[in-house]
Amino acid sequence: MSAEGASATTAEPSLFAIALTFASISSTAFGGGQKASIRHQVVAKGWMDDDVFMDGLELAQVLPGPNILNLAIYCGQRVRGVAGAIAAFLGASVPPFAIVLVAGALYFKYASNPYVHGALRGCAVGALGLTLGNALELSWDERDDWVKIVLLIATAIVVAAFKMPLLLVMVLFGGAGIVREYLRSRAKEVPR
């Protein structure tokens, strides 16, 4: 298999299977739920293990552009190279694009309907729940590391309550996380 970190017992997926997997995720997972859905799919299919996925998630979140597309491209590339990245990108981007076109046309046609506004408020609450669930699932493995939990909570507070700019958040909290991981890796290297 061409991808490092993928299961040796799983056959290489077809480009169609990659595109279809990401199309089904991008068509059905909303809010923050897509990352957890991608994680579940690629690990369950044996395309990569959890550690390789988390490396990709971290990379996708710091690169410019939509995190979900970055993550899809990463996953596709890991299992089938450039062709896999293209298949994953198309699968992850074409269905939502079509959905947004249709939803936009319907919204402008029925924008004055109070039921439409109620439905949108309900969708916003659902998206918030998916985002929180996604955050809990993706950080659950780190629950024993109190420093990471403190950084996570502090980041959420300064962004939500104090509206700290993203660049400053990345420099402060991302920098603190980088320094911490560097010090931890140095401590592991030092023989006792």
C-alpha atoms as a PDB file:
ATOM      1  CA  MET A   1       0.000   0.000   0.000  1.00  0.00           C
ATOM      2  CA  SER A   2       1.299   3.452  -0.836  1.00  0.00           C
ATOM      3  CA  ALA A   3       0.378   5.147   2.409  1.00  0.00           C
ATOM      4  CA  GLU A   4       2.540   5.047   5.464  1.00  0.00           C
ATOM      5  CA  GLY A   5       0.469   4.489   8.587  1.00  0.00           C
ATOM      6  CA  ALA A   6      -2.326   2.670   6.785  1.00  0.00           C
ATOM      7  CA  SER A   7      -3.202  -0.842   7.739  1.00  0.00           C
ATOM      8  CA  ALA A   8      -1.155  -3.456   5.922  1.00  0.00           C
ATOM      9  CA  THR A   9      -4.138  -5.839   5.817  1.00  0.00           C
ATOM     10  CA  THR A  10      -6.550  -3.447   4.094  1.00  0.00           C
ATOM     11  CA  ALA A  11      -6.570  -3.348   0.300  1.00  0.00           C
ATOM     12  CA  GLU A  12      -5.829  -0.027  -1.337  1.00  0.00           C
ATOM     13  CA  PRO A  13      -9.156   1.796  -1.802  1.00  0.00           C
ATOM     14  CA  SER A  14     -10.277   2.835  -5.251  1.00  0.00           C
ATOM     15  CA  LEU A  15     -10.405   6.499  -6.142  1.00  0.00           C
ATOM     16  CA  PHE A  16     -14.168   6.152  -6.451  1.00  0.00           C
ATOM     17  CA  ALA A  17     -14.346   4.727  -2.890  1.00  0.00           C
ATOM     18  CA  ILE A  18     -12.324   7.669  -1.583  1.00  0.00           C
ATOM     19  CA  ALA A  19     -14.505  10.215  -3.404  1.00  0.00           C
ATOM     20  CA  LEU A  20     -17.701   8.458  -2.300  1.00  0.00           C
ATOM     21  CA  THR A  21     -16.586   8.305   1.334  1.00  0.00           C
ATOM     22  CA  PHE A  22     -15.840  12.024   1.450  1.00  0.00           C
ATOM     23  CA  ALA A  23     -18.983  12.861  -0.536  1.00  0.00           C
ATOM     24  CA  SER A  24     -21.148  10.998   1.973  1.00  0.00           C
ATOM     25  CA  ILE A  25     -19.424  12.708   4.905  1.00  0.00           C
ATOM     26  CA  SER A  26     -19.635  16.192   3.404  1.00  0.00           C
ATOM     27  CA  SER A  27     -23.297  15.664   2.473  1.00  0.00           C
ATOM     28  CA  THR A  28     -24.444  14.473   5.879  1.00  0.00           C
ATOM     29  CA  ALA A  29     -22.201  15.960   8.575  1.00  0.00           C
ATOM     30  CA  PHE A  30     -22.747  19.607   9.442  1.00  0.00           C
ATOM     31  CA  GLY A  31     -21.116  22.060  11.811  1.00  0.00           C
ATOM     32  CA  GLY A  32     -18.069  20.565  13.448  1.00  0.00           C
ATOM     33  CA  GLY A  33     -19.193  16.976  13.038  1.00  0.00           C
ATOM     34  CA  GLN A  34     -17.282  16.377   9.822  1.00  0.00           C
ATOM     35  CA  LYS A  35     -13.902  15.930  11.496  1.00  0.00           C
ATOM     36  CA  ALA A  36     -15.240  13.221  13.786  1.00  0.00           C
ATOM     37  CA  SER A  37     -16.993  11.549  10.838  1.00  0.00           C
ATOM     38  CA  ILE A  38     -13.806  11.578   8.790  1.00  0.00           C
ATOM     39  CA  ARG A  39     -11.863  10.161  11.721  1.00  0.00           C
ATOM     40  CA  HIS A  40     -14.385   7.384  12.189  1.00  0.00           C
ATOM     41  CA  GLN A  41     -14.455   6.484   8.486  1.00  0.00           C
ATOM     42  CA  VAL A  42     -10.731   6.465   7.721  1.00  0.00           C
ATOM     43  CA  VAL A  43      -9.812   4.572  10.885  1.00  0.00           C
ATOM     44  CA  ALA A  44     -12.675   2.059  10.549  1.00  0.00           C
ATOM     45  CA  LYS A  45     -11.789   1.396   6.901  1.00  0.00           C
ATOM     46  CA  GLY A  46      -8.146   0.841   7.876  1.00  0.00           C
ATOM     47  CA  TRP A  47      -6.901   3.639   5.644  1.00  0.00           C
ATOM     48  CA  MET A  48      -4.801   5.032   8.493  1.00  0.00           C
ATOM     49  CA  ASP A  49      -4.454   4.668  12.223  1.00  0.00           C
ATOM     50  CA  ASP A  50      -5.625   7.179  14.800  1.00  0.00           C
ATOM     51  CA  ASP A  51      -2.194   8.765  15.326  1.00  0.00           C
ATOM     52  CA  VAL A  52      -1.703   9.409  11.602  1.00  0.00           C
ATOM     53  CA  PHE A  53      -5.218  10.896  11.419  1.00  0.00           C
ATOM     54  CA  MET A  54      -4.556  13.206  14.375  1.00  0.00           C
ATOM     55  CA  ASP A  55      -1.312  14.383  12.739  1.00  0.00           C
ATOM     56  CA  GLY A  56      -3.344  15.245   9.645  1.00  0.00           C
ATOM     57  CA  LEU A  57      -6.013  17.004  11.683  1.00  0.00           C
ATOM     58  CA  GLU A  58      -3.406  19.156  13.396  1.00  0.00           C
ATOM     59  CA  LEU A  59      -1.843  20.007  10.036  1.00  0.00           C
ATOM     60  CA  ALA A  60      -5.242  20.746   8.440  1.00  0.00           C
ATOM     61  CA  GLN A  61      -6.111  23.180  11.216  1.00  0.00           C
ATOM     62  CA  VAL A  62      -2.972  25.287  10.925  1.00  0.00           C
ATOM     63  CA  LEU A  63      -2.939  25.491   7.120  1.00  0.00           C
ATOM     64  CA  PRO A  64      -4.930  28.234   5.393  1.00  0.00           C
ATOM     65  CA  GLY A  65      -8.215  27.213   3.841  1.00  0.00           C
ATOM     66  CA  PRO A  66     -11.182  25.187   5.007  1.00  0.00           C
ATOM     67  CA  ASN A  67     -10.084  22.620   7.602  1.00  0.00           C
ATOM     68  CA  ILE A  68     -12.370  19.928   6.199  1.00  0.00           C
ATOM     69  CA  LEU A  69     -10.965  20.216   2.690  1.00  0.00           C
ATOM     70  CA  ASN A  70      -7.406  20.293   4.038  1.00  0.00           C
ATOM     71  CA  LEU A  71      -8.141  17.144   6.047  1.00  0.00           C
ATOM     72  CA  ALA A  72      -9.792  15.391   3.102  1.00  0.00           C
ATOM     73  CA  ILE A  73      -6.808  16.170   0.886  1.00  0.00           C
ATOM     74  CA  TYR A  74      -4.428  14.901   3.568  1.00  0.00           C
ATOM     75  CA  CYS A  75      -6.355  11.639   4.004  1.00  0.00           C
ATOM     76  CA  GLY A  76      -6.717  11.051   0.261  1.00  0.00           C
ATOM     77  CA  GLN A  77      -3.031  11.716  -0.294  1.00  0.00           C
ATOM     78  CA  ARG A  78      -2.016   9.329   2.489  1.00  0.00           C
ATOM     79  CA  VAL A  79      -3.947   6.417   0.986  1.00  0.00           C
ATOM     80  CA  ARG A  80      -3.568   7.012  -2.782  1.00  0.00           C
ATOM     81  CA  GLY A  81      -1.126   9.863  -3.387  1.00  0.00           C
ATOM     82  CA  VAL A  82      -1.985  12.855  -5.574  1.00  0.00           C
ATOM     83  CA  ALA A  83      -4.870  11.048  -7.298  1.00  0.00           C
ATOM     84  CA  GLY A  84      -6.340  10.177  -3.877  1.00  0.00           C
ATOM     85  CA  ALA A  85      -6.004  13.804  -2.763  1.00  0.00           C
ATOM     86  CA  ILE A  86      -7.887  14.973  -5.859  1.00  0.00           C
ATOM     87  CA  ALA A  87     -10.606  12.335  -5.375  1.00  0.00           C
ATOM     88  CA  ALA A  88     -11.017  13.292  -1.709  1.00  0.00           C
ATOM     89  CA  PHE A  89     -11.119  16.999  -2.571  1.00  0.00           C
ATOM     90  CA  LEU A  90     -13.814  16.490  -5.201  1.00  0.00           C
ATOM     91  CA  GLY A  91     -15.821  14.207  -2.926  1.00  0.00           C
ATOM     92  CA  ALA A  92     -15.613  16.668  -0.046  1.00  0.00           C
ATOM     93  CA  SER A  93     -16.343  19.822  -2.059  1.00  0.00           C
ATOM     94  CA  VAL A  94     -18.785  19.077  -4.882  1.00  0.00           C
ATOM     95  CA  PRO A  95     -21.799  17.830  -2.834  1.00  0.00           C
ATOM     96  CA  PRO A  96     -21.744  20.740  -0.328  1.00  0.00           C
ATOM     97  CA  PHE A  97     -21.354  23.189  -3.208  1.00  0.00           C
ATOM     98  CA  ALA A  98     -24.480  21.773  -4.873  1.00  0.00           C
ATOM     99  CA  ILE A  99     -26.368  21.755  -1.549  1.00  0.00           C
ATOM    100  CA  VAL A 100     -25.459  25.406  -0.914  1.00  0.00           C
ATOM    101  CA  LEU A 101     -26.613  26.420  -4.393  1.00  0.00           C
ATOM    102  CA  VAL A 102     -29.995  24.736  -3.909  1.00  0.00           C
ATOM    103  CA  ALA A 103     -30.377  25.911  -0.302  1.00  0.00           C
ATOM    104  CA  GLY A 104     -29.443  29.468  -1.284  1.00  0.00           C
ATOM    105  CA  ALA A 105     -32.017  29.547  -4.056  1.00  0.00           C
ATOM    106  CA  LEU A 106     -34.692  28.178  -1.714  1.00  0.00           C
ATOM    107  CA  TYR A 107     -33.725  30.572   1.073  1.00  0.00           C
ATOM    108  CA  PHE A 108     -34.069  33.651  -1.115  1.00  0.00           C
ATOM    109  CA  LYS A 109     -37.399  32.389  -2.392  1.00  0.00           C
ATOM    110  CA  TYR A 110     -38.806  31.736   1.124  1.00  0.00           C
ATOM    111  CA  ALA A 111     -36.752  34.157   3.264  1.00  0.00           C
ATOM    112  CA  SER A 112     -39.812  35.936   4.671  1.00  0.00           C
ATOM    113  CA  ASN A 113     -41.383  32.719   5.982  1.00  0.00           C
ATOM    114  CA  PRO A 114     -41.134  32.553   9.813  1.00  0.00           C
ATOM    115  CA  TYR A 115     -40.770  28.760   9.657  1.00  0.00           C
ATOM    116  CA  VAL A 116     -37.593  29.187   7.642  1.00  0.00           C
ATOM    117  CA  HIS A 117     -36.137  31.417  10.365  1.00  0.00           C
ATOM    118  CA  GLY A 118     -37.141  28.894  13.031  1.00  0.00           C
ATOM    119  CA  ALA A 119     -35.552  26.063  11.058  1.00  0.00           C
ATOM    120  CA  LEU A 120     -32.325  28.043  10.679  1.00  0.00           C
ATOM    121  CA  ARG A 121     -32.204  28.750  14.418  1.00  0.00           C
ATOM    122  CA  GLY A 122     -32.693  25.034  15.051  1.00  0.00           C
ATOM    123  CA  CYS A 123     -29.909  24.195  12.600  1.00  0.00           C
ATOM    124  CA  ALA A 124     -27.587  26.646  14.363  1.00  0.00           C
ATOM    125  CA  VAL A 125     -28.224  24.925  17.692  1.00  0.00           C
ATOM    126  CA  GLY A 126     -27.611  21.535  16.080  1.00  0.00           C
ATOM    127  CA  ALA A 127     -24.360  22.775  14.522  1.00  0.00           C
ATOM    128  CA  LEU A 128     -23.222  24.058  17.907  1.00  0.00           C
ATOM    129  CA  GLY A 129     -23.950  20.664  19.456  1.00  0.00           C
ATOM    130  CA  LEU A 130     -22.020  18.900  16.690  1.00  0.00           C
ATOM    131  CA  THR A 131     -19.078  21.247  17.164  1.00  0.00           C
ATOM    132  CA  LEU A 132     -18.995  20.626  20.920  1.00  0.00           C
ATOM    133  CA  GLY A 133     -19.353  16.875  20.428  1.00  0.00           C
ATOM    134  CA  ASN A 134     -16.548  16.930  17.879  1.00  0.00           C
ATOM    135  CA  ALA A 135     -14.301  18.875  20.253  1.00  0.00           C
ATOM    136  CA  LEU A 136     -14.990  16.398  23.048  1.00  0.00           C
ATOM    137  CA  GLU A 137     -14.375  13.360  20.850  1.00  0.00           C
ATOM    138  CA  LEU A 138     -11.145  14.691  19.391  1.00  0.00           C
ATOM    139  CA  SER A 139      -9.761  15.802  22.764  1.00  0.00           C
ATOM    140  CA  TRP A 140     -11.000  12.837  24.829  1.00  0.00           C
ATOM    141  CA  ASP A 141      -7.706  10.948  24.502  1.00  0.00           C
ATOM    142  CA  GLU A 142      -5.931  13.927  26.080  1.00  0.00           C
ATOM    143  CA  ARG A 143      -8.171  14.099  29.155  1.00  0.00           C
ATOM    144  CA  ASP A 144      -5.371  12.901  31.463  1.00  0.00           C
ATOM    145  CA  ASP A 145      -3.047  15.708  30.367  1.00  0.00           C
ATOM    146  CA  TRP A 146      -4.184  18.634  32.493  1.00  0.00           C
ATOM    147  CA  VAL A 147      -1.938  21.166  30.731  1.00  0.00           C
ATOM    148  CA  LYS A 148      -3.559  20.448  27.354  1.00  0.00           C
ATOM    149  CA  ILE A 149      -7.012  20.678  28.929  1.00  0.00           C
ATOM    150  CA  VAL A 150      -6.131  24.030  30.533  1.00  0.00           C
ATOM    151  CA  LEU A 151      -4.856  25.329  27.166  1.00  0.00           C
ATOM    152  CA  LEU A 152      -8.026  24.094  25.461  1.00  0.00           C
ATOM    153  CA  ILE A 153     -10.339  25.750  27.997  1.00  0.00           C
ATOM    154  CA  ALA A 154      -8.322  28.979  28.090  1.00  0.00           C
ATOM    155  CA  THR A 155      -8.366  29.167  24.296  1.00  0.00           C
ATOM    156  CA  ALA A 156     -12.129  28.669  24.205  1.00  0.00           C
ATOM    157  CA  ILE A 157     -12.664  31.353  26.842  1.00  0.00           C
ATOM    158  CA  VAL A 158     -10.478  34.029  25.232  1.00  0.00           C
ATOM    159  CA  VAL A 159     -12.006  33.426  21.813  1.00  0.00           C
ATOM    160  CA  ALA A 160     -15.637  33.243  22.953  1.00  0.00           C
ATOM    161  CA  ALA A 161     -15.692  35.758  25.787  1.00  0.00           C
ATOM    162  CA  PHE A 162     -12.937  38.207  24.886  1.00  0.00           C
ATOM    163  CA  LYS A 163     -13.035  37.938  21.064  1.00  0.00           C
ATOM    164  CA  MET A 164      -9.240  37.613  20.888  1.00  0.00           C
ATOM    165  CA  PRO A 165      -8.002  37.753  17.266  1.00  0.00           C
ATOM    166  CA  LEU A 166      -7.141  34.390  15.734  1.00  0.00           C
ATOM    167  CA  LEU A 167      -3.531  35.312  14.960  1.00  0.00           C
ATOM    168  CA  LEU A 168      -2.912  36.287  18.582  1.00  0.00           C
ATOM    169  CA  VAL A 169      -4.623  33.078  19.792  1.00  0.00           C
ATOM    170  CA  MET A 170      -2.396  30.991  17.540  1.00  0.00           C
ATOM    171  CA  VAL A 171       0.760  32.779  18.643  1.00  0.00           C
ATOM    172  CA  LEU A 172      -0.027  32.614  22.375  1.00  0.00           C
ATOM    173  CA  PHE A 173      -1.730  29.258  22.805  1.00  0.00           C
ATOM    174  CA  GLY A 174      -0.188  27.516  19.826  1.00  0.00           C
ATOM    175  CA  GLY A 175       3.204  28.778  20.973  1.00  0.00           C
ATOM    176  CA  ALA A 176       2.568  27.541  24.511  1.00  0.00           C
ATOM    177  CA  GLY A 177       1.589  24.118  23.162  1.00  0.00           C
ATOM    178  CA  ILE A 178       4.676  23.951  20.938  1.00  0.00           C
ATOM    179  CA  VAL A 179       6.992  24.916  23.802  1.00  0.00           C
ATOM    180  CA  ARG A 180       5.353  22.346  26.079  1.00  0.00           C
ATOM    181  CA  GLU A 181       5.680  19.532  23.547  1.00  0.00           C
ATOM    182  CA  TYR A 182       9.281  20.516  22.834  1.00  0.00           C
ATOM    183  CA  LEU A 183      10.141  20.411  26.543  1.00  0.00           C
ATOM    184  CA  ARG A 184       8.362  17.053  26.919  1.00  0.00           C
ATOM    185  CA  SER A 185      10.277  15.558  23.996  1.00  0.00           C
ATOM    186  CA  ARG A 186      13.570  16.878  25.422  1.00  0.00           C
ATOM    187  CA  ALA A 187      12.748  15.382  28.826  1.00  0.00           C
ATOM    188  CA  LYS A 188      12.150  11.990  27.171  1.00  0.00           C
ATOM    189  CA  GLU A 189      15.536  12.164  25.408  1.00  0.00           C
ATOM    190  CA  VAL A 190      17.519  12.850  28.596  1.00  0.00           C
ATOM    191  CA  PRO A 191      18.639   9.527  30.167  1.00  0.00           C
ATOM    192  CA  ARG A 192      17.952   9.252  33.863  1.00  0.00           C
END
